[in-house]
Amino acid sequence: MLPAPDRRARGAAVEAAARAHLLRAGLREVAANANYRCGELDLVMLDEGARGGATLVFVEVRYRSDARFGGGAASVDTHKRRKLVQAAHAFLAHHPKHADAPCRFDVVEADGDPASPRLTWLKDAFRADD
């Protein structure tokens, strides 16, 4: 079942806001909405100013209209993390020029108005071996 058009538009607006936020912070976009059988990567960015050298950043963008049940990061559970790690492996297999780069997984939490969401960037939100 496909998501409702308004839900899809809300997701696109929130991802665009997250992308703009990360670009302003100095990251460079590598890919967006990279789909693989095992899952999707919302954003793949390059953090050239990271400690230890240029780091490939896999970013999960999570929007919650109501934080009563936990913010966006709380929804990135063990199952979701596993899917993101598998998708990251697939991305690296398809993009060998990044295969040896250090990698990290970030989460951008968004809430409020999807057209102008409040964003919280959680760097290194989880590890591939968590």
Foldseek 3Di string as FASTA:
>chain_A
DDDDPVVVVLVVLLLVLVVVVVVVVPKAWDDAQDDDPLGTFGTWIWDQPDPVGIEIEGEAEAEDQDCPVHWRLVVCDPSNLQSSLVSVVVVCVVVVVCVPHHYAYKYWTWYDDSNNTDIDIGTRSDDNVD
